[in-house]
Protein backbone atom coordinates (compact mmCIF):
# COMPACT_ATOMS: atom_id res chain seq x y z
CA MET A 1 -35.09 116.51 20.77
CA THR A 2 -37.30 116.68 23.99
CA ARG A 3 -37.09 113.43 26.51
CA GLY A 4 -40.74 113.07 25.45
CA ARG A 5 -40.31 112.76 22.05
CA GLY A 6 -37.58 110.01 22.43
CA TYR A 7 -39.60 107.65 24.45
CA ALA A 8 -42.26 108.17 21.45
CA LEU A 9 -40.07 107.55 18.65
CA LEU A 10 -38.12 104.29 20.39
CA GLY A 11 -41.68 103.16 21.36
CA MET A 12 -42.66 103.26 17.45
CA VAL A 13 -39.22 101.34 17.10
CA VAL A 14 -40.05 98.62 19.23
CA ALA A 15 -43.73 98.48 17.61
CA ALA A 16 -42.36 98.15 14.06
CA ILE A 17 -39.54 95.34 15.21
CA MET A 18 -42.40 93.26 16.72
CA ALA A 19 -44.53 93.75 13.65
CA LEU A 20 -41.98 92.49 11.31
CA SER A 21 -40.79 89.67 13.97
CA THR A 22 -44.89 88.43 14.01
CA ALA A 23 -44.83 88.58 10.16
CA LEU A 24 -41.80 86.61 9.88
CA TYR A 25 -43.24 84.00 12.31
CA VAL A 26 -46.64 83.76 10.33
CA GLY A 27 -44.64 83.52 6.72
CA VAL A 28 -42.64 80.61 8.48
CA ALA A 29 -45.62 78.90 9.50
CA SER A 30 -47.24 78.69 6.08
CA ASP A 31 -44.33 78.40 4.08
CA ASN A 32 -44.68 75.21 2.49
CA GLY A 33 -41.08 74.08 2.38
CA THR A 34 -40.76 72.89 -0.96
CA PRO A 35 -39.85 74.46 -4.43
CA ASP A 36 -43.66 75.38 -5.12
CA GLY A 37 -44.57 78.99 -4.86
CA ASN A 38 -48.20 78.51 -6.54
CA ALA A 39 -50.06 75.98 -4.05
CA VAL A 40 -53.01 78.38 -2.82
CA GLY A 41 -54.55 77.67 0.44
CA GLN A 42 -58.25 79.26 0.44
CA GLY A 43 -60.96 80.09 3.17
CA ARG A 44 -58.47 81.59 6.05
CA VAL A 45 -59.29 80.39 10.00
CA PRO A 46 -58.85 81.65 12.89
CA ARG A 47 -56.13 80.16 15.12
CA ASN A 48 -56.97 78.10 17.81
CA SER A 49 -55.46 75.27 20.47
CA ALA A 50 -54.19 73.36 17.20
CA ALA A 51 -51.53 75.77 16.77
CA PRO A 52 -48.05 74.35 17.12
CA ALA A 53 -46.41 73.97 20.09
CA SER A 54 -42.77 76.34 20.41
CA THR A 55 -40.17 73.95 21.37
CA GLY A 56 -38.35 70.91 20.27
CA THR A 57 -36.77 70.29 16.53
CA TRP A 58 -38.50 69.68 13.50
CA VAL A 59 -37.67 65.96 12.08
CA GLY A 60 -39.19 63.20 9.70
CA THR A 61 -41.27 60.46 11.51
CA TRP A 62 -41.72 58.54 8.27
CA SER A 63 -41.51 59.51 4.68
CA THR A 64 -42.10 57.88 1.54
CA SER A 65 -40.76 58.72 -2.27
CA PRO A 66 -43.53 59.56 -4.60
CA ALA A 67 -42.68 56.75 -7.19
CA ALA A 68 -45.09 56.68 -10.27
CA ALA A 69 -48.40 57.87 -11.78
CA GLU A 70 -51.56 55.23 -10.63
CA PRO A 71 -52.14 53.29 -13.56
CA GLY A 72 -55.80 53.80 -14.10
CA THR A 73 -56.66 57.17 -12.18
CA GLU A 74 -55.90 59.57 -15.57
CA THR A 75 -59.31 60.41 -15.81
CA THR A 76 -61.48 60.14 -12.72
CA ALA A 77 -58.49 59.65 -9.93
CA MET A 78 -59.74 60.19 -6.64
CA ALA A 79 -62.94 62.69 -7.07
CA ASP A 80 -65.35 62.74 -4.24
CA ARG A 81 -63.69 59.84 -2.40
CA SER A 82 -61.68 60.42 0.92
CA VAL A 83 -58.10 58.98 0.81
CA ARG A 84 -56.52 57.52 4.31
CA ASN A 85 -53.35 56.52 4.22
CA VAL A 86 -51.80 54.73 6.96
CA VAL A 87 -48.40 55.13 8.12
CA HIS A 88 -45.70 54.06 10.86
CA THR A 89 -43.79 56.94 13.08
CA SER A 90 -40.31 56.92 14.30
CA VAL A 91 -40.01 58.82 16.83
CA GLY A 92 -42.28 61.36 18.73
CA GLY A 93 -43.47 64.59 18.46
CA THR A 94 -45.71 67.20 20.17
CA SER A 95 -46.90 69.11 16.65
CA ALA A 96 -46.96 67.35 13.18
CA ARG A 97 -47.36 68.32 9.29
CA VAL A 98 -47.49 66.75 6.27
CA THR A 99 -46.63 66.77 2.85
CA LEU A 100 -48.86 66.25 -0.17
CA SER A 101 -47.58 65.74 -3.81
CA ASN A 102 -49.04 66.18 -7.50
CA LEU A 103 -45.80 65.01 -8.99
CA TYR A 104 -47.63 63.01 -11.45
CA GLY A 105 -50.56 65.43 -11.88
CA GLN A 106 -51.60 66.73 -15.40
CA SER A 107 -53.83 68.89 -13.37
CA PRO A 108 -54.16 70.91 -10.51
CA LEU A 109 -54.96 68.64 -7.41
CA ASN A 110 -57.86 70.21 -5.29
CA ILE A 111 -58.07 69.02 -1.46
CA THR A 112 -61.02 70.50 0.17
CA ARG A 113 -60.29 68.70 3.47
CA ALA A 114 -57.28 67.20 5.38
CA THR A 115 -57.07 65.99 9.23
CA ILE A 116 -54.49 63.94 10.85
CA ALA A 117 -55.49 61.69 13.47
CA VAL A 118 -53.48 58.26 15.71
CA SER A 119 -55.01 55.26 14.60
CA ALA A 120 -56.81 53.55 17.30
CA GLY A 121 -55.00 50.04 16.04
CA GLY A 122 -53.80 48.09 13.63
CA GLY A 123 -55.67 46.82 10.92
CA THR A 124 -58.54 49.38 11.04
CA ALA A 125 -59.49 52.75 9.57
CA ALA A 126 -60.76 54.24 13.01
CA ALA A 127 -58.79 57.14 14.91
CA LEU A 128 -58.55 57.97 18.66
CA ALA A 129 -61.16 60.41 18.42
CA ASP A 130 -59.78 62.72 20.34
CA THR A 131 -56.69 63.18 18.21
CA MET A 132 -58.68 63.95 15.19
CA ARG A 133 -57.24 67.36 14.10
CA GLN A 134 -58.01 69.10 11.12
CA LEU A 135 -54.86 70.59 8.75
CA THR A 136 -54.48 73.96 7.43
CA PHE A 137 -52.59 75.30 4.41
CA GLY A 138 -51.80 78.68 4.46
CA GLY A 139 -53.82 78.91 7.22
CA GLY A 140 -56.91 77.88 5.24
CA PRO A 141 -58.50 74.43 5.41
CA LYS A 142 -58.06 73.84 1.66
CA VAL A 143 -55.28 73.84 -1.03
CA VAL A 144 -54.61 73.23 -4.69
CA VAL A 145 -51.47 71.66 -5.32
CA PRO A 146 -50.82 72.78 -9.15
CA PRO A 147 -49.34 69.87 -11.54
CA GLY A 148 -45.63 68.55 -11.01
CA ARG A 149 -45.91 70.12 -7.29
CA GLN A 150 -46.18 69.55 -3.66
CA VAL A 151 -47.24 71.39 -0.89
CA MET A 152 -46.44 71.05 3.10
CA SER A 153 -48.98 71.54 5.75
CA ASP A 154 -49.11 74.27 8.30
CA ALA A 155 -48.07 72.99 11.49
CA VAL A 156 -50.64 71.25 14.08
CA ARG A 157 -50.29 70.49 17.51
CA VAL A 158 -51.17 66.79 18.23
CA VAL A 159 -49.17 64.68 20.18
CA VAL A 160 -47.79 61.94 18.01
CA PRO A 161 -46.43 58.84 19.70
CA PRO A 162 -43.26 56.74 18.46
CA ASP A 163 -43.68 53.55 16.72
CA SER A 164 -47.05 53.78 16.33
CA ASP A 165 -49.91 54.04 13.42
CA VAL A 166 -50.89 57.92 12.27
CA LEU A 167 -53.74 58.59 9.69
CA VAL A 168 -53.82 61.00 7.28
CA THR A 169 -56.73 61.81 5.51
CA THR A 170 -57.56 63.73 2.08
CA TYR A 171 -60.62 64.63 0.33
CA THR A 172 -60.56 65.58 -3.00
CA PRO A 173 -63.76 66.89 -5.00
CA THR A 174 -63.06 66.75 -8.43
CA GLY A 175 -60.45 64.72 -10.50
CA SER A 176 -57.16 65.36 -10.87
CA GLY A 177 -55.28 62.43 -12.33
CA PRO A 178 -53.07 60.84 -12.72
CA VAL A 179 -52.68 59.96 -8.78
CA THR A 180 -49.07 60.51 -7.38
CA TYR A 181 -48.81 57.30 -5.61
CA HIS A 182 -46.33 54.32 -3.92
CA PRO A 183 -46.83 51.18 -4.63
CA HIS A 184 -45.92 48.56 -2.31
CA ALA A 185 -46.75 50.27 1.05
CA ARG A 186 -46.74 46.80 2.85
CA GLN A 187 -49.40 48.85 4.49
CA THR A 188 -52.72 48.74 4.54
CA SER A 189 -54.43 52.10 3.51
CA TYR A 190 -58.37 52.78 3.05
CA VAL A 191 -60.59 54.38 0.80
CA ALA A 192 -64.27 55.85 1.72
CA GLN A 193 -66.85 57.48 -0.82
CA GLY A 194 -67.75 61.28 -0.61
CA ASP A 195 -66.34 63.23 2.28
CA HIS A 196 -65.38 62.03 5.13
CA ALA A 197 -61.86 63.31 6.75
CA ARG A 198 -63.26 64.11 10.00
CA ASP A 199 -64.27 60.73 10.47
CA ALA A 200 -62.83 58.90 13.26
CA THR A 201 -64.97 55.53 13.51
CA GLY A 202 -63.47 54.67 10.30
CA THR A 203 -66.64 52.93 8.99
CA PRO A 204 -67.36 54.85 5.81
CA TYR A 205 -63.92 53.24 4.88
CA THR A 206 -64.93 50.10 2.71
CA GLU A 207 -61.91 49.96 0.13
CA ARG A 208 -58.48 48.78 1.15
CA SER A 209 -55.17 49.99 -0.73
CA VAL A 210 -52.11 48.51 -0.43
CA SER A 211 -50.39 51.73 -1.85
CA TRP A 212 -49.99 55.42 -0.08
CA ARG A 213 -51.84 58.14 -2.24
CA TYR A 214 -50.63 61.79 -2.57
CA LEU A 215 -48.72 61.83 1.26
CA THR A 216 -45.15 61.68 0.98
CA ALA A 217 -43.83 63.05 4.72
CA LEU A 218 -44.95 63.52 8.18
CA ASP A 219 -42.57 65.61 10.33
CA VAL A 220 -42.82 65.92 14.08
CA LEU A 221 -41.56 68.42 16.55
CA SER A 222 -39.84 66.24 18.58
CA ASN A 223 -38.32 67.06 22.08
CA GLU A 224 -36.80 63.03 21.82
CA SER A 225 -34.76 63.42 18.35
CA ASP A 226 -32.06 66.07 16.91
CA GLY A 227 -32.30 65.23 13.62
CA THR A 228 -33.03 62.45 10.33
CA ILE A 229 -31.47 59.70 8.83
CA VAL A 230 -32.87 58.86 5.70
CA ALA A 231 -32.69 55.45 3.93
CA LEU A 232 -32.30 55.58 0.43
CA GLY A 233 -32.46 52.32 -1.73
CA ASP A 234 -34.18 50.62 -3.85
CA SER A 235 -36.92 47.53 -3.21
CA LEU A 236 -34.43 45.77 -0.65
CA THR A 237 -35.17 49.09 1.10
CA ASP A 238 -38.95 49.79 0.52
CA GLY A 239 -38.93 46.34 2.41
CA ILE A 240 -41.43 44.42 -0.69
CA THR A 241 -41.16 41.04 0.56
CA SER A 242 -41.57 41.91 4.59
CA THR A 243 -44.59 40.97 6.12
CA PRO A 244 -47.58 43.55 5.69
CA GLY A 245 -48.49 45.58 8.23
CA ALA A 246 -45.79 44.23 10.51
CA ASN A 247 -43.69 47.14 10.02
CA ASN A 248 -40.89 44.90 9.38
CA ARG A 249 -38.21 46.73 6.75
CA TRP A 250 -34.96 46.91 8.28
CA THR A 251 -35.45 50.44 8.25
CA ASP A 252 -38.37 50.14 11.06
CA VAL A 253 -36.04 47.59 13.20
CA LEU A 254 -33.08 49.79 12.95
CA SER A 255 -35.36 52.90 14.15
CA ASP A 256 -36.32 50.48 17.30
CA ARG A 257 -33.18 49.31 17.81
CA LEU A 258 -31.87 53.27 18.09
CA ARG A 259 -34.10 54.73 20.36
CA ALA A 260 -33.86 51.20 22.60
CA GLN A 261 -30.44 51.19 22.51
CA ILE A 262 -30.66 55.36 23.46
CA ALA A 263 -33.62 54.45 26.63
CA ALA A 264 -30.90 52.12 27.58
CA GLY A 265 -28.59 55.18 28.33
CA ARG A 266 -26.27 54.38 25.61
CA ASP A 267 -24.17 57.54 24.45
CA LEU A 268 -25.83 57.44 20.46
CA PRO A 269 -27.38 60.01 18.44
CA ARG A 270 -30.76 60.76 18.68
CA TYR A 271 -32.08 60.56 15.44
CA SER A 272 -35.12 59.77 13.80
CA VAL A 273 -34.94 57.23 10.84
CA VAL A 274 -36.92 57.68 7.37
CA ASN A 275 -37.79 55.31 4.47
CA GLN A 276 -37.05 56.83 0.86
CA GLY A 277 -36.91 53.42 -0.81
CA ILE A 278 -38.31 52.74 -4.35
CA SER A 279 -38.66 49.15 -5.71
CA GLY A 280 -36.14 48.96 -8.72
CA ASN A 281 -34.64 51.77 -8.35
CA GLN A 282 -31.13 52.55 -9.81
CA VAL A 283 -28.46 54.79 -9.00
CA LEU A 284 -28.12 55.81 -12.71
CA THR A 285 -31.21 54.99 -14.72
CA ASP A 286 -35.03 56.86 -14.79
CA GLY A 287 -37.93 54.89 -15.55
CA LEU A 288 -40.03 56.12 -18.26
CA GLY A 289 -42.29 58.98 -18.57
CA ARG A 290 -41.99 62.57 -17.77
CA PRO A 291 -41.46 63.28 -15.03
CA ALA A 292 -39.75 60.00 -15.10
CA ASP A 293 -41.57 57.17 -12.89
CA ASN A 294 -38.75 55.31 -10.45
CA PRO A 295 -36.50 58.98 -11.50
CA SER A 296 -32.67 57.57 -10.34
CA ALA A 297 -31.02 58.26 -6.88
CA LEU A 298 -29.11 61.49 -8.85
CA ASN A 299 -32.49 62.67 -10.29
CA ARG A 300 -34.09 62.28 -6.39
CA PHE A 301 -31.56 63.02 -4.19
CA GLN A 302 -32.09 66.75 -4.09
CA ARG A 303 -36.14 66.17 -3.01
CA ASP A 304 -35.68 62.44 -1.26
CA VAL A 305 -32.51 62.86 1.13
CA LEU A 306 -31.37 67.09 1.25
CA GLU A 307 -35.28 68.66 1.46
CA ARG A 308 -35.73 66.20 4.67
CA PRO A 309 -36.04 68.14 7.65
CA ASN A 310 -32.85 68.34 9.57
CA VAL A 311 -31.01 65.39 7.89
CA LYS A 312 -27.50 63.97 9.66
CA VAL A 313 -27.37 60.74 7.92
CA VAL A 314 -28.22 59.09 4.89
CA VAL A 315 -27.62 55.68 4.61
CA ILE A 316 -27.23 54.45 1.22
CA ASP A 317 -28.32 51.10 -0.10
CA LEU A 318 -28.40 50.91 -3.96
CA GLY A 319 -26.50 48.97 -7.21
CA VAL A 320 -27.90 46.02 -7.67
CA ASN A 321 -30.44 47.19 -10.00
CA ASP A 322 -27.79 48.96 -11.87
CA ILE A 323 -26.37 45.22 -12.09
CA LEU A 324 -29.62 43.33 -12.97
CA ARG A 325 -31.77 45.51 -15.13
CA ASN A 326 -28.91 46.94 -17.57
CA PRO A 327 -29.31 44.97 -20.79
CA ARG A 328 -25.34 44.59 -21.32
CA LEU A 329 -23.21 43.76 -18.39
CA ALA A 330 -23.17 46.89 -16.21
CA ASP A 331 -20.10 49.04 -15.79
CA PRO A 332 -18.72 48.82 -12.02
CA ASN A 333 -17.22 52.29 -12.27
CA ALA A 334 -19.90 54.14 -13.75
CA ILE A 335 -21.74 53.05 -10.92
CA LEU A 336 -19.49 53.74 -8.10
CA ASP A 337 -18.93 57.35 -10.22
CA GLY A 338 -22.87 57.76 -9.57
CA LEU A 339 -22.78 56.75 -5.56
CA ARG A 340 -19.77 58.58 -5.11
CA THR A 341 -21.42 62.18 -6.99
CA LEU A 342 -24.64 61.19 -4.20
CA VAL A 343 -21.79 61.46 -1.56
CA GLY A 344 -20.08 64.59 -2.82
CA GLN A 345 -23.45 65.74 -2.95
CA ALA A 346 -24.49 64.95 0.74
CA HIS A 347 -21.34 66.36 2.13
CA ALA A 348 -22.41 69.78 0.62
CA ARG A 349 -24.79 69.64 2.60
CA GLY A 350 -22.85 68.14 5.81
CA VAL A 351 -24.52 65.50 5.99
CA LYS A 352 -22.51 62.24 6.61
CA VAL A 353 -23.00 59.22 4.16
CA VAL A 354 -23.53 55.50 5.30
CA GLY A 355 -23.16 53.05 2.64
CA ALA A 356 -24.25 49.44 1.93
CA THR A 357 -22.36 46.27 0.36
CA LEU A 358 -24.43 44.38 -2.54
CA MET A 359 -26.11 41.90 -1.46
CA PRO A 360 -25.65 38.35 -3.07
CA PHE A 361 -28.13 37.34 -5.78
CA HIS A 362 -27.08 33.98 -6.94
CA GLY A 363 -30.40 31.57 -7.71
CA HIS A 364 -31.97 34.84 -8.98
CA ARG A 365 -33.35 34.86 -12.44
CA GLY A 366 -30.91 37.45 -13.34
CA TYR A 367 -27.78 36.19 -11.67
CA THR A 368 -24.43 35.39 -14.26
CA ASP A 369 -20.65 34.64 -13.07
CA ALA A 370 -20.23 38.10 -14.98
CA ARG A 371 -22.58 40.09 -12.91
CA GLU A 372 -21.31 38.80 -9.76
CA ALA A 373 -17.60 39.94 -10.81
CA VAL A 374 -19.65 43.62 -10.94
CA ARG A 375 -20.89 43.47 -7.47
CA GLN A 376 -17.72 42.00 -6.22
CA THR A 377 -15.80 45.12 -7.56
CA ILE A 378 -18.21 47.80 -6.19
CA ASN A 379 -18.10 45.73 -2.94
CA ALA A 380 -14.22 45.79 -2.36
CA GLU A 381 -14.28 49.69 -3.25
CA ILE A 382 -16.92 50.15 -0.81
CA ARG A 383 -15.25 48.20 1.79
CA ALA A 384 -11.63 49.79 1.29
CA GLY A 385 -13.07 53.05 2.26
CA ARG A 386 -13.43 54.77 -1.04
CA VAL A 387 -17.21 55.43 -1.71
CA TYR A 388 -18.37 56.28 1.86
CA ASP A 389 -17.54 57.70 5.16
CA ALA A 390 -18.66 54.74 6.78
CA VAL A 391 -19.74 51.34 5.53
CA ALA A 392 -22.87 48.41 6.58
CA ASP A 393 -21.63 45.42 5.21
CA PHE A 394 -25.31 43.90 4.62
CA ASP A 395 -23.26 41.07 2.46
CA ARG A 396 -21.33 39.99 5.22
CA ALA A 397 -24.20 39.70 7.58
CA LEU A 398 -26.62 37.96 5.62
CA ARG A 399 -24.43 35.71 3.21
CA ASP A 400 -24.08 32.05 3.23
CA PRO A 401 -20.68 30.86 4.85
CA TYR A 402 -20.70 28.24 2.47
CA ASP A 403 -21.99 29.92 -0.76
CA PRO A 404 -21.08 33.72 -0.34
CA ARG A 405 -22.50 34.49 -3.65
CA ARG A 406 -25.89 33.84 -2.36
CA LEU A 407 -28.40 34.78 0.81
CA ARG A 408 -28.20 32.68 3.63
CA SER A 409 -31.59 30.06 3.31
CA ASP A 410 -32.70 31.61 6.61
CA TYR A 411 -32.53 35.31 5.42
CA ASP A 412 -33.52 33.98 2.05
CA SER A 413 -37.48 35.47 1.45
CA GLY A 414 -37.31 32.61 -1.64
CA ASP A 415 -36.41 34.71 -5.06
CA HIS A 416 -32.93 34.64 -3.86
CA LEU A 417 -32.91 38.87 -3.87
CA HIS A 418 -35.18 40.00 -1.59
CA PRO A 419 -34.58 39.08 2.54
CA SER A 420 -36.86 37.28 4.50
CA ASP A 421 -38.04 39.39 7.88
CA LYS A 422 -35.41 37.55 9.17
CA GLY A 423 -32.85 38.74 6.88
CA TYR A 424 -34.74 42.32 7.35
CA ALA A 425 -33.89 42.32 10.88
CA ARG A 426 -30.32 40.59 10.40
CA MET A 427 -29.82 43.94 8.17
CA ALA A 428 -30.72 46.70 11.19
CA GLU A 429 -28.56 44.42 13.93
CA SER A 430 -25.80 43.78 11.97
CA PHE A 431 -25.81 48.30 11.47
CA ASP A 432 -23.39 49.43 13.59
CA LEU A 433 -24.84 52.41 15.42
CA GLU A 434 -21.40 54.32 16.22
CA THR A 435 -21.44 55.05 12.66
CA LEU A 436 -24.00 57.42 13.25
CA LYS A 437 -21.45 59.81 15.27
CA GLY A 438 -19.82 62.63 14.27
CA SER A 439 -20.66 64.44 11.09
CA ALA A 440 -19.53 64.53 7.36
CA PRO A 441 -15.71 65.29 6.66
CA ALA A 442 -15.02 68.72 5.75
CA GLU A 443 -14.84 69.67 1.73
CA LEU A 444 -11.37 70.92 0.80
């Protein structure tokens, strides 16, 4: 072979490698990151300054679990309406992507426009105009999400601040009910008639909503975070009795506390915190329907925990509803076996597990001495280190020292089961941040 022909062949090989690398990059950028291979992006648009930055780590900055089919949306759903979800971030980033769910839909969800922007301030649907970005899916502005599926958007370049509100808006021209939603958001979102996804003023958004619709995750490409903490729980994690719009769930306070300690120079993992609580959730039992409303922790663990980006730690606070909602006396060993199954699944993926003790509920309408005995049995196993890698002792932190069967009065929202804002803050303050260090034990 002559030298000239050798150089030509080498050039062809290099060109082929570069073409393959480009194809792989485009494929990764448009992959929705979910089991859904059928979501259809439409109408490709040229790449522009909104293309994603290339440095940092993808982490979750906010998430919520699709919990049920929204009542009353079976026929018209959100036809010809713009849904502006307001969500609160944990950490900041330089690019963002969202996940939209049609888990409970019975027909294709047709989204013809979606946007993301930083909120102009609390209690408003207005956006900071220079942060408004159109979201794309596989390079196009439209996407069709089949029933029972979810889709992840392409990454878009936008500076997302930590501890801030972000607006994610979707427009659906046709009905695709029932709507997949998360009730008890403790956050006001907005709805407008017609396509106002790109409107930054917020003026058309005259309808308020206390639920999140379609949107289940906001991820960011972050230089300030190396991984994600997922809080898996029930109403105690969902923050059902916290002040609406104040971001006083214990997970919000934990995120603020962790970020502040790192800023002060403390040697702690740089993790974001996302909330996968569903009010009424149980370890073992699903709700009704197909797919099940309020799926059990065993049912949703893969989706809600292991599929979060760069998850490093899961904090599990579950078991109280298995005790209270069981028409017979709950078997503590069955609950413990369920919790240990979750731990095994986490360890198989290298995820560390911190588990919470079950908080007291004396005075609640479901209290009995027999149920209290079940709670004590479960807590004894947790404290003995026979369930989790580490323990968050929320029971000890919030119980009344003079009657350990009940919440301390200033930590009690009044129903003797759910904490007040002060109680949620106490949960986060009692959490030992050192337990976030290290990784899951090696499986033998």
